Amino acid sequence: ANYADSVKGRFTISGDNAKNTVYLQ
């Protein structure tokens, strides 16, 4: 994954392929 500087360290992206869903914490 990669992040824009404005959100780096605060946002986390993750994926659950079994649920076919991506999350943004």
PDB file of all heavy atoms in Angstrom:
ATOM      1  N   ALA A   1       0.833  -1.190   0.000  1.00  0.00           N
ATOM      2  CA  ALA A   1       0.000   0.000   0.000  1.00  0.00           C
ATOM      3  C   ALA A   1       0.869   1.241   0.000  1.00  0.00           C
ATOM      4  O   ALA A   1       2.050   1.194   0.384  1.00  0.00           O
ATOM      5  CB  ALA A   1      -0.914  -0.003   1.220  1.00  0.00           C
ATOM      6  N   ASN A   2       0.282   2.346  -0.419  1.00  0.00           N
ATOM      7  CA  ASN A   2       0.975   3.631  -0.296  1.00  0.00           C
ATOM      8  C   ASN A   2      -0.032   4.717   0.061  1.00  0.00           C
ATOM      9  O   ASN A   2      -1.259   4.530  -0.054  1.00  0.00           O
ATOM     10  CB  ASN A   2       1.772   3.979  -1.553  1.00  0.00           C
ATOM     11  CG  ASN A   2       1.022   3.715  -2.840  1.00  0.00           C
ATOM     12  OD1 ASN A   2      -0.117   4.142  -2.976  1.00  0.00           O
ATOM     13  ND2 ASN A   2       1.647   3.038  -3.768  1.00  0.00           N
ATOM     14  N   TYR A   3       0.507   5.855   0.518  1.00  0.00           N
ATOM     15  CA  TYR A   3      -0.316   6.906   1.091  1.00  0.00           C
ATOM     16  C   TYR A   3       0.164   8.270   0.640  1.00  0.00           C
ATOM     17  O   TYR A   3       1.364   8.488   0.444  1.00  0.00           O
ATOM     18  CB  TYR A   3      -0.234   6.861   2.627  1.00  0.00           C
ATOM     19  CG  TYR A   3      -0.684   5.553   3.216  1.00  0.00           C
ATOM     20  CD1 TYR A   3       0.210   4.504   3.408  1.00  0.00           C
ATOM     21  CD2 TYR A   3      -2.022   5.357   3.576  1.00  0.00           C
ATOM     22  CE1 TYR A   3      -0.210   3.296   3.941  1.00  0.00           C
ATOM     23  CE2 TYR A   3      -2.441   4.150   4.116  1.00  0.00           C
ATOM     24  CZ  TYR A   3      -1.530   3.127   4.286  1.00  0.00           C
ATOM     25  OH  TYR A   3      -1.948   1.929   4.807  1.00  0.00           O
ATOM     26  N   ALA A   4      -0.786   9.172   0.525  1.00  0.00           N
ATOM     27  CA  ALA A   4      -0.427  10.571   0.315  1.00  0.00           C
ATOM     28  C   ALA A   4       0.201  11.125   1.589  1.00  0.00           C
ATOM     29  O   ALA A   4      -0.116  10.681   2.690  1.00  0.00           O
ATOM     30  CB  ALA A   4      -1.670  11.368  -0.060  1.00  0.00           C
ATOM     31  N   ASP A   5       1.072  12.115   1.424  1.00  0.00           N
ATOM     32  CA  ASP A   5       1.760  12.682   2.580  1.00  0.00           C
ATOM     33  C   ASP A   5       0.778  13.244   3.615  1.00  0.00           C
ATOM     34  O   ASP A   5       1.048  13.206   4.814  1.00  0.00           O
ATOM     35  CB  ASP A   5       2.712  13.785   2.125  1.00  0.00           C
ATOM     36  CG  ASP A   5       3.926  13.234   1.388  1.00  0.00           C
ATOM     37  OD1 ASP A   5       4.207  12.020   1.511  1.00  0.00           O
ATOM     38  OD2 ASP A   5       4.582  14.016   0.680  1.00  0.00           O
ATOM     39  N   SER A   6      -0.341  13.748   3.146  1.00  0.00           N
ATOM     40  CA  SER A   6      -1.308  14.398   4.041  1.00  0.00           C
ATOM     41  C   SER A   6      -1.953  13.434   5.031  1.00  0.00           C
ATOM     42  O   SER A   6      -2.490  13.858   6.059  1.00  0.00           O
ATOM     43  CB  SER A   6      -2.396  15.096   3.223  1.00  0.00           C
ATOM     44  OG  SER A   6      -3.051  14.157   2.383  1.00  0.00           O
ATOM     45  N   VAL A   7      -1.909  12.130   4.745  1.00  0.00           N
ATOM     46  CA  VAL A   7      -2.556  11.152   5.624  1.00  0.00           C
ATOM     47  C   VAL A   7      -1.596  10.112   6.170  1.00  0.00           C
ATOM     48  O   VAL A   7      -1.990   9.278   6.989  1.00  0.00           O
ATOM     49  CB  VAL A   7      -3.731  10.440   4.916  1.00  0.00           C
ATOM     50  CG1 VAL A   7      -4.711  11.457   4.358  1.00  0.00           C
ATOM     51  CG2 VAL A   7      -3.219   9.512   3.814  1.00  0.00           C
ATOM     52  N   LYS A   8      -0.357  10.167   5.742  1.00  0.00           N
ATOM     53  CA  LYS A   8       0.632   9.162   6.151  1.00  0.00           C
ATOM     54  C   LYS A   8       0.776   9.161   7.674  1.00  0.00           C
ATOM     55  O   LYS A   8       0.912  10.214   8.290  1.00  0.00           O
ATOM     56  CB  LYS A   8       1.964   9.451   5.468  1.00  0.00           C
ATOM     57  CG  LYS A   8       2.897   8.269   5.356  1.00  0.00           C
ATOM     58  CD  LYS A   8       4.076   8.615   4.464  1.00  0.00           C
ATOM     59  CE  LYS A   8       3.678   8.790   3.018  1.00  0.00           C
ATOM     60  NZ  LYS A   8       4.835   9.050   2.128  1.00  0.00           N
ATOM     61  N   GLY A   9       0.743   7.985   8.254  1.00  0.00           N
ATOM     62  CA  GLY A   9       0.848   7.849   9.697  1.00  0.00           C
ATOM     63  C   GLY A   9      -0.473   7.951  10.429  1.00  0.00           C
ATOM     64  O   GLY A   9      -0.543   7.639  11.627  1.00  0.00           O
ATOM     65  N   ARG A  10      -1.518   8.384   9.747  1.00  0.00           N
ATOM     66  CA  ARG A  10      -2.841   8.507  10.382  1.00  0.00           C
ATOM     67  C   ARG A  10      -3.857   7.546   9.777  1.00  0.00           C
ATOM     68  O   ARG A  10      -4.754   7.073  10.478  1.00  0.00           O
ATOM     69  CB  ARG A  10      -3.359   9.941  10.239  1.00  0.00           C
ATOM     70  CG  ARG A  10      -2.481  10.987  10.871  1.00  0.00           C
ATOM     71  CD  ARG A  10      -3.145  12.365  10.868  1.00  0.00           C
ATOM     72  NE  ARG A  10      -3.418  12.849   9.515  1.00  0.00           N
ATOM     73  CZ  ARG A  10      -4.634  13.183   9.074  1.00  0.00           C
ATOM     74  NH1 ARG A  10      -5.670  13.086   9.860  1.00  0.00           N
ATOM     75  NH2 ARG A  10      -4.790  13.647   7.840  1.00  0.00           N
ATOM     76  N   PHE A  11      -3.745   7.292   8.479  1.00  0.00           N
ATOM     77  CA  PHE A  11      -4.696   6.419   7.779  1.00  0.00           C
ATOM     78  C   PHE A  11      -4.011   5.090   7.466  1.00  0.00           C
ATOM     79  O   PHE A  11      -2.814   5.042   7.163  1.00  0.00           O
ATOM     80  CB  PHE A  11      -5.151   7.045   6.464  1.00  0.00           C
ATOM     81  CG  PHE A  11      -6.052   8.240   6.604  1.00  0.00           C
ATOM     82  CD1 PHE A  11      -6.246   8.884   7.827  1.00  0.00           C
ATOM     83  CD2 PHE A  11      -6.716   8.748   5.486  1.00  0.00           C
ATOM     84  CE1 PHE A  11      -7.076   9.980   7.939  1.00  0.00           C
ATOM     85  CE2 PHE A  11      -7.542   9.853   5.589  1.00  0.00           C
ATOM     86  CZ  PHE A  11      -7.715  10.473   6.814  1.00  0.00           C
ATOM     87  N   THR A  12      -4.794   4.017   7.504  1.00  0.00           N
ATOM     88  CA  THR A  12      -4.298   2.698   7.145  1.00  0.00           C
ATOM     89  C   THR A  12      -5.296   2.017   6.222  1.00  0.00           C
ATOM     90  O   THR A  12      -6.478   1.909   6.570  1.00  0.00           O
ATOM     91  CB  THR A  12      -4.081   1.820   8.390  1.00  0.00           C
ATOM     92  OG1 THR A  12      -3.180   2.469   9.292  1.00  0.00           O
ATOM     93  CG2 THR A  12      -3.501   0.465   7.992  1.00  0.00           C
ATOM     94  N   ILE A  13      -4.814   1.561   5.076  1.00  0.00           N
ATOM     95  CA  ILE A  13      -5.664   0.853   4.124  1.00  0.00           C
ATOM     96  C   ILE A  13      -5.396  -0.647   4.268  1.00  0.00           C
ATOM     97  O   ILE A  13      -4.259  -1.079   4.506  1.00  0.00           O
ATOM     98  CB  ILE A  13      -5.391   1.332   2.685  1.00  0.00           C
ATOM     99  CG1 ILE A  13      -6.463   0.821   1.724  1.00  0.00           C
ATOM    100  CG2 ILE A  13      -3.987   0.966   2.224  1.00  0.00           C
ATOM    101  CD1 ILE A  13      -6.374   1.460   0.334  1.00  0.00           C
ATOM    102  N   SER A  14      -6.447  -1.430   4.154  1.00  0.00           N
ATOM    103  CA  SER A  14      -6.299  -2.883   4.233  1.00  0.00           C
ATOM    104  C   SER A  14      -7.365  -3.546   3.381  1.00  0.00           C
ATOM    105  O   SER A  14      -8.379  -2.917   3.045  1.00  0.00           O
ATOM    106  CB  SER A  14      -6.409  -3.359   5.686  1.00  0.00           C
ATOM    107  OG  SER A  14      -7.676  -3.052   6.234  1.00  0.00           O
ATOM    108  N   GLY A  15      -7.130  -4.793   3.046  1.00  0.00           N
ATOM    109  CA  GLY A  15      -8.074  -5.511   2.213  1.00  0.00           C
ATOM    110  C   GLY A  15      -8.404  -6.872   2.783  1.00  0.00           C
ATOM    111  O   GLY A  15      -7.569  -7.499   3.434  1.00  0.00           O
ATOM    112  N   ASP A  16      -9.616  -7.310   2.565  1.00  0.00           N
ATOM    113  CA  ASP A  16     -10.057  -8.656   2.932  1.00  0.00           C
ATOM    114  C   ASP A  16     -10.598  -9.290   1.664  1.00  0.00           C
ATOM    115  O   ASP A  16     -11.768  -9.064   1.297  1.00  0.00           O
ATOM    116  CB  ASP A  16     -11.128  -8.579   4.022  1.00  0.00           C
ATOM    117  CG  ASP A  16     -11.527  -9.952   4.540  1.00  0.00           C
ATOM    118  OD1 ASP A  16     -11.332 -10.953   3.818  1.00  0.00           O
ATOM    119  OD2 ASP A  16     -12.038 -10.023   5.668  1.00  0.00           O
ATOM    120  N   ASN A  17      -9.765 -10.043   0.990  1.00  0.00           N
ATOM    121  CA  ASN A  17     -10.174 -10.611  -0.298  1.00  0.00           C
ATOM    122  C   ASN A  17     -11.315 -11.612  -0.142  1.00  0.00           C
ATOM    123  O   ASN A  17     -12.131 -11.773  -1.054  1.00  0.00           O
ATOM    124  CB  ASN A  17      -8.982 -11.257  -0.993  1.00  0.00           C
ATOM    125  CG  ASN A  17      -8.036 -10.234  -1.590  1.00  0.00           C
ATOM    126  OD1 ASN A  17      -8.229  -9.021  -1.408  1.00  0.00           O
ATOM    127  ND2 ASN A  17      -7.008 -10.688  -2.272  1.00  0.00           N
ATOM    128  N   ALA A  18     -11.395 -12.270   1.009  1.00  0.00           N
ATOM    129  CA  ALA A  18     -12.486 -13.217   1.233  1.00  0.00           C
ATOM    130  C   ALA A  18     -13.835 -12.500   1.258  1.00  0.00           C
ATOM    131  O   ALA A  18     -14.854 -13.050   0.830  1.00  0.00           O
ATOM    132  CB  ALA A  18     -12.263 -13.975   2.528  1.00  0.00           C
ATOM    133  N   LYS A  19     -13.825 -11.269   1.746  1.00  0.00           N
ATOM    134  CA  LYS A  19     -15.061 -10.472   1.794  1.00  0.00           C
ATOM    135  C   LYS A  19     -15.152  -9.514   0.614  1.00  0.00           C
ATOM    136  O   LYS A  19     -16.135  -8.765   0.509  1.00  0.00           O
ATOM    137  CB  LYS A  19     -15.131  -9.675   3.098  1.00  0.00           C
ATOM    138  CG  LYS A  19     -15.239 -10.543   4.337  1.00  0.00           C
ATOM    139  CD  LYS A  19     -15.380  -9.687   5.588  1.00  0.00           C
ATOM    140  CE  LYS A  19     -15.550 -10.564   6.824  1.00  0.00           C
ATOM    141  NZ  LYS A  19     -15.686  -9.755   8.071  1.00  0.00           N
ATOM    142  N   ASN A  20     -14.116  -9.520  -0.236  1.00  0.00           N
ATOM    143  CA  ASN A  20     -14.104  -8.618  -1.398  1.00  0.00           C
ATOM    144  C   ASN A  20     -14.305  -7.166  -0.978  1.00  0.00           C
ATOM    145  O   ASN A  20     -15.050  -6.398  -1.618  1.00  0.00           O
ATOM    146  CB  ASN A  20     -15.175  -9.027  -2.416  1.00  0.00           C
ATOM    147  CG  ASN A  20     -14.624  -9.131  -3.823  1.00  0.00           C
ATOM    148  OD1 ASN A  20     -13.450  -9.427  -4.026  1.00  0.00           O
ATOM    149  ND2 ASN A  20     -15.472  -8.869  -4.799  1.00  0.00           N
ATOM    150  N   THR A  21     -13.633  -6.797   0.101  1.00  0.00           N
ATOM    151  CA  THR A  21     -13.821  -5.485   0.703  1.00  0.00           C
ATOM    152  C   THR A  21     -12.471  -4.872   1.060  1.00  0.00           C
ATOM    153  O   THR A  21     -11.562  -5.581   1.505  1.00  0.00           O
ATOM    154  CB  THR A  21     -14.702  -5.592   1.967  1.00  0.00           C
ATOM    155  OG1 THR A  21     -15.989  -6.123   1.596  1.00  0.00           O
ATOM    156  CG2 THR A  21     -14.900  -4.231   2.625  1.00  0.00           C
ATOM    157  N   VAL A  22     -12.359  -3.571   0.864  1.00  0.00           N
ATOM    158  CA  VAL A  22     -11.189  -2.803   1.266  1.00  0.00           C
ATOM    159  C   VAL A  22     -11.625  -1.787   2.306  1.00  0.00           C
ATOM    160  O   VAL A  22     -12.720  -1.226   2.204  1.00  0.00           O
ATOM    161  CB  VAL A  22     -10.545  -2.121   0.048  1.00  0.00           C
ATOM    162  CG1 VAL A  22      -9.482  -1.124   0.479  1.00  0.00           C
ATOM    163  CG2 VAL A  22      -9.934  -3.163  -0.882  1.00  0.00           C
ATOM    164  N   TYR A  23     -10.767  -1.574   3.287  1.00  0.00           N
ATOM    165  CA  TYR A  23     -11.078  -0.670   4.387  1.00  0.00           C
ATOM    166  C   TYR A  23     -10.078   0.483   4.420  1.00  0.00           C
ATOM    167  O   TYR A  23      -8.930   0.352   4.005  1.00  0.00           O
ATOM    168  CB  TYR A  23     -10.999  -1.421   5.719  1.00  0.00           C
ATOM    169  CG  TYR A  23     -11.876  -2.639   5.777  1.00  0.00           C
ATOM    170  CD1 TYR A  23     -11.361  -3.905   5.519  1.00  0.00           C
ATOM    171  CD2 TYR A  23     -13.239  -2.519   6.068  1.00  0.00           C
ATOM    172  CE1 TYR A  23     -12.176  -5.033   5.562  1.00  0.00           C
ATOM    173  CE2 TYR A  23     -14.052  -3.650   6.112  1.00  0.00           C
ATOM    174  CZ  TYR A  23     -13.517  -4.898   5.851  1.00  0.00           C
ATOM    175  OH  TYR A  23     -14.321  -6.007   5.889  1.00  0.00           O
ATOM    176  N   LEU A  24     -10.533   1.596   4.954  1.00  0.00           N
ATOM    177  CA  LEU A  24      -9.650   2.726   5.234  1.00  0.00           C
ATOM    178  C   LEU A  24      -9.885   3.122   6.682  1.00  0.00           C
ATOM    179  O   LEU A  24     -10.926   3.694   7.008  1.00  0.00           O
ATOM    180  CB  LEU A  24      -9.922   3.901   4.294  1.00  0.00           C
ATOM    181  CG  LEU A  24      -8.952   5.065   4.438  1.00  0.00           C
ATOM    182  CD1 LEU A  24      -7.552   4.674   3.956  1.00  0.00           C
ATOM    183  CD2 LEU A  24      -9.448   6.290   3.657  1.00  0.00           C
ATOM    184  N   GLN A  25      -8.926   2.790   7.531  1.00  0.00           N
ATOM    185  CA  GLN A  25      -8.980   3.190   8.933  1.00  0.00           C
ATOM    186  C   GLN A  25      -8.381   4.571   9.066  1.00  0.00           C
ATOM    187  O   GLN A  25      -7.224   4.780   8.697  1.00  0.00           O
ATOM    188  CB  GLN A  25      -8.205   2.186   9.798  1.00  0.00           C
ATOM    189  CG  GLN A  25      -8.149   2.549  11.261  1.00  0.00           C
ATOM    190  CD  GLN A  25      -9.512   2.462  11.941  1.00  0.00           C
ATOM    191  OE1 GLN A  25     -10.263   1.529  11.716  1.00  0.00           O
ATOM    192  NE2 GLN A  25      -9.824   3.454  12.770  1.00  0.00           N
TER     193      GLN A  25
END
